[in-house]
Amino acid sequence: MATTTLTEVTAELAALEDPKAREVNARHGDDHGVHLGALRALAKRLKTQQDLARQLWSTGDASARLLAVLICRPRAFERDELDVMVREAGTPKVHDWLVNYVVKKSPHSEELRLAWFADPDPVVASAGWALTTERVTKKPEGLDLPGLLEVIEAEMKDAPARLQWAMNHCLAQIGIEHAEHRARAIAIGERLEVLKDYPTSPGCTSPFAPTWIGEMVRRAG
């Protein structure tokens, strides 16, 4: 598949389009109609192809961009290139995959985290918070955790939805991973009540931070 062309891949994506899947995805703000399992299978067959990934991304099509994320070489993107990509990602799924599968693996991730954290675009800022949450969990040294809690307490309640979700995730991870801040994280979550009534399927953990923290700590013993 090393010589696969953009035309061939976009034709295959078109053939995989499922109107019912598109309808379901649209409820979550996404505009793609290819099942994610089919996308992953296609990516596995294509293997890593950085040039093709860039071509797929440039189409602007959500399914093509999701595939691009799966076949790209994350470390091959320049810092400014990733900044542009996050700003033009558009839909939640493309944004999430780009941040989690590409930006987090980039040598520019920390520089971008700092640049995006307080960006005036709340979706870009949510990427900064996602990268911060990654550090809270895996590399907290040097982070001002009390300062993060102060920002969350002051701003999360009225933040736009995607930024609010990212801030809430950070709040939960601080409480889960850092016992010395757990009581304060829980108290902030209880006072703000963000996502307290979020519908949660049976067997799944609520994203309401106090519940989320309590359940993860319980599982860890």
N, C-alpha and C. Protein backbone atom coordinates (compact mmCIF):
# COMPACT_ATOMS: atom_id res chain seq x y z
N MET A 1 0.82 -1.22 0.00
CA MET A 1 0.00 0.00 0.00
C MET A 1 0.85 1.27 0.00
N ALA A 2 2.16 1.13 -0.19
CA ALA A 2 3.04 2.29 -0.09
C ALA A 2 2.77 3.34 -1.15
N THR A 3 2.19 2.91 -2.29
CA THR A 3 1.94 3.86 -3.38
C THR A 3 0.48 4.29 -3.44
N THR A 4 -0.26 4.02 -2.40
CA THR A 4 -1.67 4.40 -2.38
C THR A 4 -1.81 5.91 -2.58
N THR A 5 -2.75 6.30 -3.44
CA THR A 5 -2.95 7.72 -3.71
C THR A 5 -4.10 8.28 -2.91
N LEU A 6 -4.12 9.59 -2.81
CA LEU A 6 -5.21 10.26 -2.12
C LEU A 6 -6.55 9.93 -2.76
N THR A 7 -6.58 9.88 -4.07
CA THR A 7 -7.83 9.57 -4.78
C THR A 7 -8.35 8.19 -4.41
N GLU A 8 -7.44 7.22 -4.33
CA GLU A 8 -7.84 5.85 -3.98
C GLU A 8 -8.39 5.79 -2.56
N VAL A 9 -7.74 6.48 -1.65
CA VAL A 9 -8.17 6.42 -0.24
C VAL A 9 -9.50 7.15 -0.04
N THR A 10 -9.64 8.31 -0.65
CA THR A 10 -10.91 9.03 -0.48
C THR A 10 -12.06 8.25 -1.11
N ALA A 11 -11.80 7.52 -2.18
CA ALA A 11 -12.84 6.68 -2.78
C ALA A 11 -13.23 5.56 -1.82
N GLU A 12 -12.24 4.98 -1.16
CA GLU A 12 -12.53 3.91 -0.20
C GLU A 12 -13.29 4.45 1.00
N LEU A 13 -12.94 5.63 1.46
CA LEU A 13 -13.68 6.25 2.56
C LEU A 13 -15.13 6.51 2.16
N ALA A 14 -15.34 6.95 0.93
CA ALA A 14 -16.70 7.21 0.45
C ALA A 14 -17.51 5.92 0.42
N ALA A 15 -16.87 4.82 0.06
CA ALA A 15 -17.56 3.53 0.01
C ALA A 15 -17.91 3.02 1.41
N LEU A 16 -17.14 3.43 2.40
CA LEU A 16 -17.39 3.01 3.79
C LEU A 16 -18.42 3.87 4.50
N GLU A 17 -18.85 4.94 3.87
CA GLU A 17 -19.80 5.87 4.49
C GLU A 17 -21.10 5.17 4.85
N ASP A 18 -21.56 5.39 6.08
CA ASP A 18 -22.81 4.80 6.58
C ASP A 18 -23.71 5.92 7.07
N PRO A 19 -24.83 6.18 6.38
CA PRO A 19 -25.71 7.29 6.78
C PRO A 19 -26.19 7.19 8.23
N LYS A 20 -26.42 5.97 8.71
CA LYS A 20 -26.87 5.82 10.10
C LYS A 20 -25.77 6.22 11.08
N ALA A 21 -24.54 5.85 10.77
CA ALA A 21 -23.41 6.24 11.62
C ALA A 21 -23.25 7.76 11.61
N ARG A 22 -23.43 8.37 10.45
CA ARG A 22 -23.34 9.83 10.37
C ARG A 22 -24.42 10.48 11.23
N GLU A 23 -25.60 9.92 11.22
CA GLU A 23 -26.69 10.47 12.01
C GLU A 23 -26.38 10.40 13.51
N VAL A 24 -25.84 9.27 13.94
CA VAL A 24 -25.47 9.10 15.35
C VAL A 24 -24.36 10.07 15.73
N ASN A 25 -23.35 10.15 14.88
CA ASN A 25 -22.21 11.03 15.17
C ASN A 25 -22.62 12.49 15.21
N ALA A 26 -23.58 12.86 14.39
CA ALA A 26 -24.04 14.26 14.33
C ALA A 26 -24.60 14.71 15.67
N ARG A 27 -25.15 13.79 16.44
CA ARG A 27 -25.71 14.13 17.76
C ARG A 27 -24.62 14.59 18.71
N HIS A 28 -23.38 14.20 18.42
CA HIS A 28 -22.24 14.58 19.27
C HIS A 28 -21.40 15.69 18.63
N GLY A 29 -21.93 16.28 17.57
CA GLY A 29 -21.23 17.39 16.93
C GLY A 29 -20.22 16.96 15.89
N ASP A 30 -20.20 15.67 15.55
CA ASP A 30 -19.24 15.17 14.56
C ASP A 30 -19.91 15.02 13.19
N ASP A 31 -19.11 15.18 12.14
CA ASP A 31 -19.70 15.12 10.79
C ASP A 31 -19.04 14.05 9.93
N HIS A 32 -18.82 12.87 10.50
CA HIS A 32 -18.27 11.76 9.72
C HIS A 32 -19.21 10.57 9.81
N GLY A 33 -19.19 9.75 8.77
CA GLY A 33 -20.10 8.62 8.72
C GLY A 33 -19.42 7.28 8.53
N VAL A 34 -18.13 7.21 8.79
CA VAL A 34 -17.39 5.96 8.68
C VAL A 34 -17.18 5.40 10.08
N HIS A 35 -17.54 4.15 10.28
CA HIS A 35 -17.35 3.54 11.59
C HIS A 35 -15.87 3.57 11.98
N LEU A 36 -15.60 3.85 13.24
CA LEU A 36 -14.22 3.98 13.68
C LEU A 36 -13.44 2.67 13.53
N GLY A 37 -14.12 1.55 13.69
CA GLY A 37 -13.46 0.27 13.49
C GLY A 37 -12.98 0.10 12.05
N ALA A 38 -13.81 0.55 11.10
CA ALA A 38 -13.42 0.47 9.69
C ALA A 38 -12.26 1.42 9.40
N LEU A 39 -12.27 2.59 10.05
CA LEU A 39 -11.16 3.53 9.88
C LEU A 39 -9.85 2.93 10.40
N ARG A 40 -9.92 2.29 11.54
CA ARG A 40 -8.72 1.69 12.13
C ARG A 40 -8.21 0.53 11.26
N ALA A 41 -9.12 -0.24 10.70
CA ALA A 41 -8.71 -1.34 9.83
C ALA A 41 -8.01 -0.81 8.58
N LEU A 42 -8.56 0.26 8.01
CA LEU A 42 -7.94 0.87 6.83
C LEU A 42 -6.56 1.43 7.19
N ALA A 43 -6.47 2.07 8.34
CA ALA A 43 -5.18 2.62 8.78
C ALA A 43 -4.15 1.52 8.98
N LYS A 44 -4.57 0.39 9.51
CA LYS A 44 -3.66 -0.73 9.72
C LYS A 44 -3.12 -1.24 8.39
N ARG A 45 -3.96 -1.21 7.38
CA ARG A 45 -3.54 -1.67 6.06
C ARG A 45 -2.61 -0.66 5.38
N LEU A 46 -2.91 0.62 5.58
CA LEU A 46 -2.08 1.65 4.96
C LEU A 46 -0.73 1.81 5.63
N LYS A 47 -0.70 1.53 6.92
CA LYS A 47 0.51 1.74 7.74
C LYS A 47 0.88 3.24 7.76
N THR A 48 2.05 3.56 8.27
CA THR A 48 2.45 4.97 8.41
C THR A 48 2.83 5.56 7.05
N GLN A 49 2.15 6.64 6.70
CA GLN A 49 2.44 7.35 5.44
C GLN A 49 2.25 8.84 5.69
N GLN A 50 3.33 9.51 6.05
CA GLN A 50 3.24 10.91 6.46
C GLN A 50 2.75 11.82 5.34
N ASP A 51 3.24 11.64 4.14
CA ASP A 51 2.80 12.51 3.03
C ASP A 51 1.32 12.33 2.75
N LEU A 52 0.87 11.09 2.74
CA LEU A 52 -0.56 10.82 2.53
C LEU A 52 -1.39 11.39 3.67
N ALA A 53 -0.88 11.29 4.89
CA ALA A 53 -1.59 11.84 6.04
C ALA A 53 -1.80 13.35 5.87
N ARG A 54 -0.77 14.05 5.43
CA ARG A 54 -0.90 15.50 5.22
C ARG A 54 -1.92 15.80 4.12
N GLN A 55 -1.93 14.99 3.08
CA GLN A 55 -2.89 15.19 1.99
C GLN A 55 -4.32 14.95 2.47
N LEU A 56 -4.50 13.89 3.26
CA LEU A 56 -5.82 13.60 3.80
C LEU A 56 -6.31 14.73 4.70
N TRP A 57 -5.42 15.22 5.54
CA TRP A 57 -5.80 16.33 6.43
C TRP A 57 -6.22 17.54 5.63
N SER A 58 -5.52 17.83 4.56
CA SER A 58 -5.78 19.04 3.77
C SER A 58 -7.13 19.01 3.07
N THR A 59 -7.77 17.83 2.97
CA THR A 59 -9.09 17.77 2.33
C THR A 59 -10.16 18.46 3.16
N GLY A 60 -9.94 18.54 4.48
CA GLY A 60 -10.94 19.12 5.37
C GLY A 60 -12.06 18.16 5.75
N ASP A 61 -12.09 16.99 5.15
CA ASP A 61 -13.12 16.00 5.45
C ASP A 61 -12.81 15.31 6.79
N ALA A 62 -13.82 15.17 7.64
CA ALA A 62 -13.59 14.64 8.98
C ALA A 62 -13.09 13.20 8.96
N SER A 63 -13.68 12.35 8.13
CA SER A 63 -13.21 10.96 8.07
C SER A 63 -11.78 10.89 7.58
N ALA A 64 -11.45 11.71 6.58
CA ALA A 64 -10.09 11.74 6.05
C ALA A 64 -9.11 12.23 7.12
N ARG A 65 -9.53 13.19 7.91
CA ARG A 65 -8.65 13.71 8.96
C ARG A 65 -8.45 12.69 10.07
N LEU A 66 -9.48 11.96 10.42
CA LEU A 66 -9.32 10.91 11.43
C LEU A 66 -8.34 9.85 10.95
N LEU A 67 -8.46 9.48 9.68
CA LEU A 67 -7.53 8.52 9.11
C LEU A 67 -6.11 9.09 9.08
N ALA A 68 -6.00 10.37 8.75
CA ALA A 68 -4.68 11.03 8.73
C ALA A 68 -4.00 10.92 10.09
N VAL A 69 -4.77 11.11 11.15
CA VAL A 69 -4.21 11.02 12.50
C VAL A 69 -3.66 9.61 12.77
N LEU A 70 -4.34 8.60 12.23
CA LEU A 70 -3.95 7.22 12.49
C LEU A 70 -2.73 6.77 11.69
N ILE A 71 -2.46 7.40 10.53
CA ILE A 71 -1.34 6.93 9.70
C ILE A 71 -0.16 7.91 9.68
N CYS A 72 -0.27 8.99 10.42
CA CYS A 72 0.80 9.99 10.40
C CYS A 72 1.96 9.59 11.30
N ARG A 73 3.02 10.35 11.23
CA ARG A 73 4.17 10.21 12.12
C ARG A 73 4.16 11.42 13.03
N PRO A 74 3.67 11.30 14.27
CA PRO A 74 3.46 12.47 15.13
C PRO A 74 4.68 13.37 15.28
N ARG A 75 5.85 12.78 15.37
CA ARG A 75 7.05 13.57 15.61
C ARG A 75 7.52 14.32 14.36
N ALA A 76 6.86 14.08 13.23
CA ALA A 76 7.28 14.73 11.98
C ALA A 76 6.65 16.11 11.80
N PHE A 77 5.65 16.44 12.60
CA PHE A 77 4.98 17.73 12.47
C PHE A 77 5.76 18.82 13.20
N GLU A 78 5.87 19.98 12.56
CA GLU A 78 6.48 21.13 13.21
C GLU A 78 5.51 21.75 14.21
N ARG A 79 6.04 22.52 15.12
CA ARG A 79 5.22 23.16 16.16
C ARG A 79 4.11 24.02 15.56
N ASP A 80 4.44 24.89 14.60
CA ASP A 80 3.44 25.78 14.01
C ASP A 80 2.42 25.01 13.20
N GLU A 81 2.83 23.90 12.62
CA GLU A 81 1.92 23.05 11.85
C GLU A 81 0.84 22.46 12.77
N LEU A 82 1.27 21.99 13.93
CA LEU A 82 0.31 21.45 14.89
C LEU A 82 -0.63 22.53 15.42
N ASP A 83 -0.11 23.73 15.61
CA ASP A 83 -0.94 24.84 16.08
C ASP A 83 -2.06 25.11 15.08
N VAL A 84 -1.73 25.15 13.81
CA VAL A 84 -2.74 25.37 12.77
C VAL A 84 -3.74 24.22 12.75
N MET A 85 -3.26 23.00 12.85
CA MET A 85 -4.14 21.83 12.79
C MET A 85 -5.15 21.82 13.93
N VAL A 86 -4.71 22.16 15.14
CA VAL A 86 -5.64 22.20 16.27
C VAL A 86 -6.71 23.27 16.06
N ARG A 87 -6.30 24.38 15.49
CA ARG A 87 -7.25 25.48 15.27
C ARG A 87 -8.27 25.18 14.17
N GLU A 88 -7.92 24.29 13.26
CA GLU A 88 -8.82 23.99 12.16
C GLU A 88 -9.46 22.61 12.28
N ALA A 89 -9.21 21.91 13.39
CA ALA A 89 -9.70 20.54 13.54
C ALA A 89 -11.22 20.46 13.44
N GLY A 90 -11.90 21.44 14.01
CA GLY A 90 -13.35 21.50 13.85
C GLY A 90 -14.12 20.63 14.82
N THR A 91 -14.38 19.39 14.45
CA THR A 91 -15.30 18.56 15.22
C THR A 91 -14.62 17.95 16.45
N PRO A 92 -15.40 17.60 17.46
CA PRO A 92 -14.83 17.06 18.70
C PRO A 92 -13.96 15.83 18.49
N LYS A 93 -14.41 14.87 17.66
CA LYS A 93 -13.64 13.63 17.50
C LYS A 93 -12.29 13.90 16.84
N VAL A 94 -12.27 14.72 15.79
CA VAL A 94 -11.01 15.05 15.12
C VAL A 94 -10.08 15.77 16.10
N HIS A 95 -10.63 16.72 16.84
CA HIS A 95 -9.84 17.46 17.83
C HIS A 95 -9.25 16.51 18.88
N ASP A 96 -10.08 15.63 19.42
CA ASP A 96 -9.63 14.72 20.48
C ASP A 96 -8.55 13.77 19.97
N TRP A 97 -8.76 13.21 18.80
CA TRP A 97 -7.76 12.28 18.26
C TRP A 97 -6.46 13.00 17.95
N LEU A 98 -6.56 14.19 17.40
CA LEU A 98 -5.36 14.95 17.08
C LEU A 98 -4.54 15.23 18.34
N VAL A 99 -5.20 15.68 19.39
CA VAL A 99 -4.50 15.99 20.64
C VAL A 99 -3.93 14.73 21.28
N ASN A 100 -4.73 13.67 21.35
CA ASN A 100 -4.32 12.48 22.08
C ASN A 100 -3.35 11.59 21.31
N TYR A 101 -3.51 11.48 20.00
CA TYR A 101 -2.69 10.56 19.22
C TYR A 101 -1.50 11.24 18.56
N VAL A 102 -1.54 12.56 18.42
CA VAL A 102 -0.46 13.25 17.72
C VAL A 102 0.27 14.24 18.63
N VAL A 103 -0.46 15.23 19.15
CA VAL A 103 0.20 16.30 19.90
C VAL A 103 0.89 15.76 21.15
N LYS A 104 0.25 14.84 21.85
CA LYS A 104 0.85 14.30 23.08
C LYS A 104 2.15 13.55 22.81
N LYS A 105 2.34 13.09 21.57
CA LYS A 105 3.55 12.36 21.21
C LYS A 105 4.60 13.26 20.55
N SER A 106 4.27 14.52 20.41
CA SER A 106 5.16 15.45 19.71
C SER A 106 6.23 16.01 20.65
N PRO A 107 7.42 16.27 20.14
CA PRO A 107 8.43 16.92 20.96
C PRO A 107 8.07 18.37 21.30
N HIS A 108 7.03 18.89 20.65
CA HIS A 108 6.58 20.27 20.89
C HIS A 108 5.41 20.35 21.87
N SER A 109 5.05 19.22 22.49
CA SER A 109 3.83 19.17 23.30
C SER A 109 3.86 20.15 24.47
N GLU A 110 4.99 20.27 25.16
CA GLU A 110 5.05 21.16 26.31
C GLU A 110 4.98 22.62 25.89
N GLU A 111 5.68 22.96 24.82
CA GLU A 111 5.62 24.33 24.31
C GLU A 111 4.20 24.68 23.89
N LEU A 112 3.52 23.75 23.24
CA LEU A 112 2.14 23.99 22.81
C LEU A 112 1.19 24.04 24.01
N ARG A 113 1.45 23.22 25.01
CA ARG A 113 0.62 23.26 26.22
C ARG A 113 0.61 24.66 26.82
N LEU A 114 1.78 25.23 26.94
CA LEU A 114 1.90 26.56 27.52
C LEU A 114 1.26 27.62 26.63
N ALA A 115 1.40 27.45 25.32
CA ALA A 115 0.84 28.44 24.39
C ALA A 115 -0.68 28.37 24.34
N TRP A 116 -1.23 27.17 24.45
CA TRP A 116 -2.68 27.00 24.30
C TRP A 116 -3.45 27.17 25.59
N PHE A 117 -2.80 27.03 26.72
CA PHE A 117 -3.50 26.93 28.00
C PHE A 117 -4.51 28.05 28.23
N ALA A 118 -4.14 29.28 27.91
CA ALA A 118 -5.05 30.41 28.13
C ALA A 118 -5.44 31.06 26.81
N ASP A 119 -5.46 30.28 25.73
CA ASP A 119 -5.83 30.82 24.42
C ASP A 119 -7.26 31.37 24.45
N PRO A 120 -7.52 32.48 23.76
CA PRO A 120 -8.88 33.03 23.75
C PRO A 120 -9.91 32.13 23.09
N ASP A 121 -9.46 31.22 22.23
CA ASP A 121 -10.37 30.25 21.63
C ASP A 121 -10.56 29.11 22.63
N PRO A 122 -11.77 28.90 23.16
CA PRO A 122 -11.95 27.89 24.20
C PRO A 122 -11.64 26.47 23.75
N VAL A 123 -11.81 26.19 22.45
CA VAL A 123 -11.47 24.84 21.97
C VAL A 123 -9.97 24.63 21.97
N VAL A 124 -9.22 25.65 21.55
CA VAL A 124 -7.76 25.57 21.60
C VAL A 124 -7.31 25.49 23.06
N ALA A 125 -7.92 26.29 23.93
CA ALA A 125 -7.58 26.24 25.35
C ALA A 125 -7.86 24.85 25.93
N SER A 126 -8.90 24.20 25.44
CA SER A 126 -9.20 22.85 25.95
C SER A 126 -8.07 21.87 25.61
N ALA A 127 -7.40 22.09 24.47
CA ALA A 127 -6.24 21.27 24.13
C ALA A 127 -5.11 21.51 25.13
N GLY A 128 -4.92 22.77 25.52
CA GLY A 128 -3.92 23.09 26.53
C GLY A 128 -4.22 22.41 27.85
N TRP A 129 -5.49 22.38 28.21
CA TRP A 129 -5.88 21.71 29.46
C TRP A 129 -5.71 20.20 29.35
N ALA A 130 -5.99 19.64 28.18
CA ALA A 130 -5.79 18.19 27.99
C ALA A 130 -4.32 17.82 28.16
N LEU A 131 -3.44 18.64 27.63
CA LEU A 131 -2.00 18.39 27.78
C LEU A 131 -1.57 18.58 29.23
N THR A 132 -2.20 19.52 29.92
CA THR A 132 -1.91 19.72 31.34
C THR A 132 -2.36 18.52 32.16
N THR A 133 -3.52 17.98 31.84
CA THR A 133 -4.01 16.79 32.53
C THR A 133 -3.06 15.62 32.33
N GLU A 134 -2.50 15.50 31.13
CA GLU A 134 -1.51 14.46 30.86
C GLU A 134 -0.31 14.61 31.80
N ARG A 135 0.13 15.84 32.01
CA ARG A 135 1.25 16.07 32.92
C ARG A 135 0.86 15.82 34.38
N VAL A 136 -0.35 16.21 34.76
CA VAL A 136 -0.83 15.95 36.12
C VAL A 136 -0.72 14.47 36.43
N THR A 137 -1.02 13.65 35.42
CA THR A 137 -1.04 12.20 35.61
C THR A 137 0.34 11.58 35.50
N LYS A 138 1.14 12.02 34.52
CA LYS A 138 2.38 11.32 34.20
C LYS A 138 3.66 12.05 34.59
N LYS A 139 3.61 13.39 34.63
CA LYS A 139 4.85 14.14 34.89
C LYS A 139 4.50 15.44 35.62
N PRO A 140 4.03 15.35 36.87
CA PRO A 140 3.54 16.53 37.58
C PRO A 140 4.63 17.46 38.10
N GLU A 141 5.89 17.01 38.05
CA GLU A 141 6.96 17.84 38.59
C GLU A 141 6.99 19.20 37.88
N GLY A 142 6.99 20.25 38.69
CA GLY A 142 7.04 21.60 38.13
C GLY A 142 5.69 22.23 37.90
N LEU A 143 4.62 21.45 37.98
CA LEU A 143 3.28 22.02 37.82
C LEU A 143 2.82 22.65 39.14
N ASP A 144 2.10 23.75 39.04
CA ASP A 144 1.53 24.42 40.20
C ASP A 144 0.11 23.88 40.40
N LEU A 145 0.00 22.76 41.09
CA LEU A 145 -1.31 22.13 41.27
C LEU A 145 -2.29 23.00 42.05
N PRO A 146 -1.88 23.65 43.15
CA PRO A 146 -2.81 24.56 43.83
C PRO A 146 -3.27 25.69 42.91
N GLY A 147 -2.36 26.19 42.07
CA GLY A 147 -2.73 27.24 41.13
C GLY A 147 -3.73 26.75 40.10
N LEU A 148 -3.57 25.53 39.63
CA LEU A 148 -4.54 24.95 38.69
C LEU A 148 -5.91 24.84 39.34
N LEU A 149 -5.93 24.40 40.58
CA LEU A 149 -7.21 24.29 41.30
C LEU A 149 -7.88 25.66 41.45
N GLU A 150 -7.07 26.69 41.67
CA GLU A 150 -7.63 28.04 41.77
C GLU A 150 -8.29 28.47 40.46
N VAL A 151 -7.62 28.21 39.35
CA VAL A 151 -8.19 28.57 38.05
C VAL A 151 -9.47 27.79 37.79
N ILE A 152 -9.44 26.50 38.08
CA ILE A 152 -10.63 25.66 37.89
C ILE A 152 -11.78 26.17 38.73
N GLU A 153 -11.51 26.48 39.99
CA GLU A 153 -12.56 26.95 40.88
C GLU A 153 -13.16 28.26 40.39
N ALA A 154 -12.34 29.11 39.81
CA ALA A 154 -12.81 30.43 39.38
C ALA A 154 -13.49 30.40 38.02
N GLU A 155 -13.08 29.48 37.14
CA GLU A 155 -13.50 29.59 35.74
C GLU A 155 -14.31 28.42 35.18
N MET A 156 -14.24 27.26 35.80
CA MET A 156 -14.86 26.08 35.18
C MET A 156 -16.38 26.18 35.07
N LYS A 157 -17.02 26.73 36.07
CA LYS A 157 -18.49 26.76 36.11
C LYS A 157 -19.09 27.41 34.87
N ASP A 158 -18.48 28.50 34.39
CA ASP A 158 -19.03 29.25 33.27
C ASP A 158 -18.27 29.04 31.97
N ALA A 159 -17.37 28.08 31.93
CA ALA A 159 -16.58 27.83 30.72
C ALA A 159 -17.44 27.17 29.64
N PRO A 160 -17.15 27.43 28.35
CA PRO A 160 -17.84 26.73 27.26
C PRO A 160 -17.67 25.22 27.40
N ALA A 161 -18.57 24.47 26.81
CA ALA A 161 -18.69 23.04 27.08
C ALA A 161 -17.40 22.26 26.93
N ARG A 162 -16.69 22.39 25.82
CA ARG A 162 -15.50 21.56 25.61
C ARG A 162 -14.36 21.97 26.53
N LEU A 163 -14.24 23.25 26.81
CA LEU A 163 -13.24 23.71 27.76
C LEU A 163 -13.62 23.26 29.17
N GLN A 164 -14.89 23.36 29.50
CA GLN A 164 -15.35 22.92 30.81
C GLN A 164 -15.05 21.44 31.02
N TRP A 165 -15.28 20.63 29.99
CA TRP A 165 -15.02 19.20 30.10
C TRP A 165 -13.54 18.94 30.38
N ALA A 166 -12.68 19.66 29.65
CA ALA A 166 -11.23 19.48 29.83
C ALA A 166 -10.78 19.92 31.21
N MET A 167 -11.32 21.02 31.70
CA MET A 167 -10.97 21.50 33.04
C MET A 167 -11.46 20.51 34.10
N ASN A 168 -12.65 19.96 33.90
CA ASN A 168 -13.19 19.00 34.85
C ASN A 168 -12.35 17.73 34.89
N HIS A 169 -11.85 17.31 33.72
CA HIS A 169 -10.96 16.15 33.68
C HIS A 169 -9.69 16.41 34.47
N CYS A 170 -9.16 17.61 34.32
CA CYS A 170 -7.96 17.98 35.08
C CYS A 170 -8.24 17.98 36.57
N LEU A 171 -9.37 18.52 36.96
CA LEU A 171 -9.77 18.53 38.38
C LEU A 171 -9.82 17.10 38.92
N ALA A 172 -10.46 16.21 38.17
CA ALA A 172 -10.58 14.83 38.62
C ALA A 172 -9.22 14.16 38.75
N GLN A 173 -8.35 14.38 37.77
CA GLN A 173 -7.04 13.73 37.81
C GLN A 173 -6.17 14.25 38.95
N ILE A 174 -6.30 15.54 39.27
CA ILE A 174 -5.57 16.06 40.43
C ILE A 174 -6.03 15.34 41.68
N GLY A 175 -7.35 15.17 41.81
CA GLY A 175 -7.88 14.48 42.98
C GLY A 175 -7.52 13.01 43.04
N ILE A 176 -7.47 12.38 41.87
CA ILE A 176 -7.17 10.95 41.81
C ILE A 176 -5.69 10.68 42.09
N GLU A 177 -4.83 11.46 41.46
CA GLU A 177 -3.40 11.18 41.48
C GLU A 177 -2.64 11.79 42.65
N HIS A 178 -3.21 12.82 43.27
CA HIS A 178 -2.45 13.57 44.28
C HIS A 178 -3.28 13.69 45.57
N ALA A 179 -3.02 12.77 46.48
CA ALA A 179 -3.82 12.65 47.69
C ALA A 179 -3.81 13.93 48.52
N GLU A 180 -2.70 14.68 48.47
CA GLU A 180 -2.61 15.89 49.28
C GLU A 180 -3.56 16.99 48.80
N HIS A 181 -4.04 16.87 47.56
CA HIS A 181 -4.99 17.85 47.01
C HIS A 181 -6.39 17.27 46.84
N ARG A 182 -6.58 16.04 47.27
CA ARG A 182 -7.84 15.34 46.99
C ARG A 182 -9.04 16.01 47.64
N ALA A 183 -8.92 16.36 48.92
CA ALA A 183 -10.06 16.95 49.62
C ALA A 183 -10.48 18.26 48.96
N ARG A 184 -9.50 19.07 48.56
CA ARG A 184 -9.84 20.34 47.93
C ARG A 184 -10.47 20.12 46.56
N ALA A 185 -9.95 19.16 45.79
CA ALA A 185 -10.53 18.87 44.48
C ALA A 185 -11.97 18.42 44.61
N ILE A 186 -12.25 17.56 45.57
CA ILE A 186 -13.61 17.09 45.79
C ILE A 186 -14.51 18.25 46.22
N ALA A 187 -14.00 19.08 47.10
CA ALA A 187 -14.80 20.22 47.57
C ALA A 187 -15.14 21.18 46.42
N ILE A 188 -14.19 21.42 45.55
CA ILE A 188 -14.45 22.28 44.39
C ILE A 188 -15.52 21.66 43.51
N GLY A 189 -15.40 20.37 43.25
CA GLY A 189 -16.40 19.70 42.43
C GLY A 189 -17.78 19.74 43.05
N GLU A 190 -17.85 19.53 44.36
CA GLU A 190 -19.15 19.56 45.04
C GLU A 190 -19.77 20.95 45.02
N ARG A 191 -18.94 21.97 45.15
CA ARG A 191 -19.48 23.34 45.15
C ARG A 191 -19.95 23.77 43.77
N LEU A 192 -19.17 23.45 42.74
CA LEU A 192 -19.52 23.90 41.39
C LEU A 192 -20.60 23.04 40.75
N GLU A 193 -20.67 21.77 41.11
CA GLU A 193 -21.67 20.82 40.59
C GLU A 193 -21.64 20.66 39.07
N VAL A 194 -20.47 20.87 38.47
CA VAL A 194 -20.32 20.71 37.03
C VAL A 194 -20.45 19.23 36.66
N LEU A 195 -21.33 18.91 35.71
CA LEU A 195 -21.59 17.56 35.21
C LEU A 195 -22.21 16.65 36.27
N LYS A 196 -22.76 17.23 37.31
CA LYS A 196 -23.36 16.42 38.37
C LYS A 196 -24.51 15.57 37.86
N ASP A 197 -25.28 16.11 36.91
CA ASP A 197 -26.44 15.40 36.38
C ASP A 197 -26.18 14.80 35.00
N TYR A 198 -24.92 14.65 34.64
CA TYR A 198 -24.59 14.11 33.30
C TYR A 198 -25.08 12.67 33.21
N PRO A 199 -25.83 12.35 32.14
CA PRO A 199 -26.36 10.98 32.00
C PRO A 199 -25.22 9.97 31.84
N THR A 200 -25.21 8.96 32.69
CA THR A 200 -24.14 7.97 32.68
C THR A 200 -24.73 6.58 32.52
N SER A 201 -24.19 5.82 31.57
CA SER A 201 -24.69 4.47 31.31
C SER A 201 -24.37 3.55 32.48
N PRO A 202 -25.19 2.52 32.68
CA PRO A 202 -24.90 1.56 33.75
C PRO A 202 -23.51 0.95 33.58
N GLY A 203 -22.78 0.86 34.67
CA GLY A 203 -21.44 0.30 34.62
C GLY A 203 -20.35 1.31 34.31
N CYS A 204 -20.74 2.53 33.94
CA CYS A 204 -19.76 3.58 33.64
C CYS A 204 -19.65 4.53 34.83
N THR A 205 -18.52 5.18 34.94
CA THR A 205 -18.29 6.13 36.04
C THR A 205 -18.75 7.52 35.63
N SER A 206 -19.46 8.18 36.50
CA SER A 206 -19.93 9.54 36.23
C SER A 206 -18.74 10.49 36.08
N PRO A 207 -18.85 11.47 35.14
CA PRO A 207 -17.78 12.46 35.02
C PRO A 207 -17.84 13.54 36.10
N PHE A 208 -18.85 13.50 36.97
CA PHE A 208 -18.92 14.44 38.10
C PHE A 208 -17.70 14.18 38.98
N ALA A 209 -16.84 15.20 39.11
CA ALA A 209 -15.52 15.00 39.69
C ALA A 209 -15.51 14.27 41.04
N PRO A 210 -16.33 14.66 42.02
CA PRO A 210 -16.28 13.95 43.31
C PRO A 210 -16.56 12.45 43.18
N THR A 211 -17.53 12.11 42.32
CA THR A 211 -17.85 10.70 42.10
C THR A 211 -16.71 9.99 41.38
N TRP A 212 -16.19 10.65 40.36
CA TRP A 212 -15.09 10.10 39.56
C TRP A 212 -13.86 9.85 40.43
N ILE A 213 -13.50 10.85 41.23
CA ILE A 213 -12.35 10.71 42.12
C ILE A 213 -12.55 9.55 43.09
N GLY A 214 -13.71 9.54 43.73
CA GLY A 214 -13.99 8.50 44.72
C GLY A 214 -13.91 7.10 44.14
N GLU A 215 -14.47 6.93 42.93
CA GLU A 215 -14.47 5.61 42.31
C GLU A 215 -13.06 5.16 41.91
N MET A 216 -12.28 6.06 41.33
CA MET A 216 -10.93 5.70 40.90
C MET A 216 -10.03 5.39 42.10
N VAL A 217 -10.18 6.15 43.17
CA VAL A 217 -9.39 5.90 44.38
C VAL A 217 -9.80 4.56 45.00
N ARG A 218 -11.10 4.28 44.96
CA ARG A 218 -11.58 2.99 45.50
C ARG A 218 -10.99 1.82 44.72
N ARG A 219 -10.97 1.95 43.41
CA ARG A 219 -10.44 0.87 42.57
C ARG A 219 -8.94 0.66 42.80
N ALA A 220 -8.26 1.76 43.10
CA ALA A 220 -6.83 1.65 43.33
C ALA A 220 -6.50 1.05 44.69
N GLY A 221 -7.54 0.94 45.53
CA GLY A 221 -7.37 0.31 46.83
C GLY A 221 -6.80 1.24 47.87
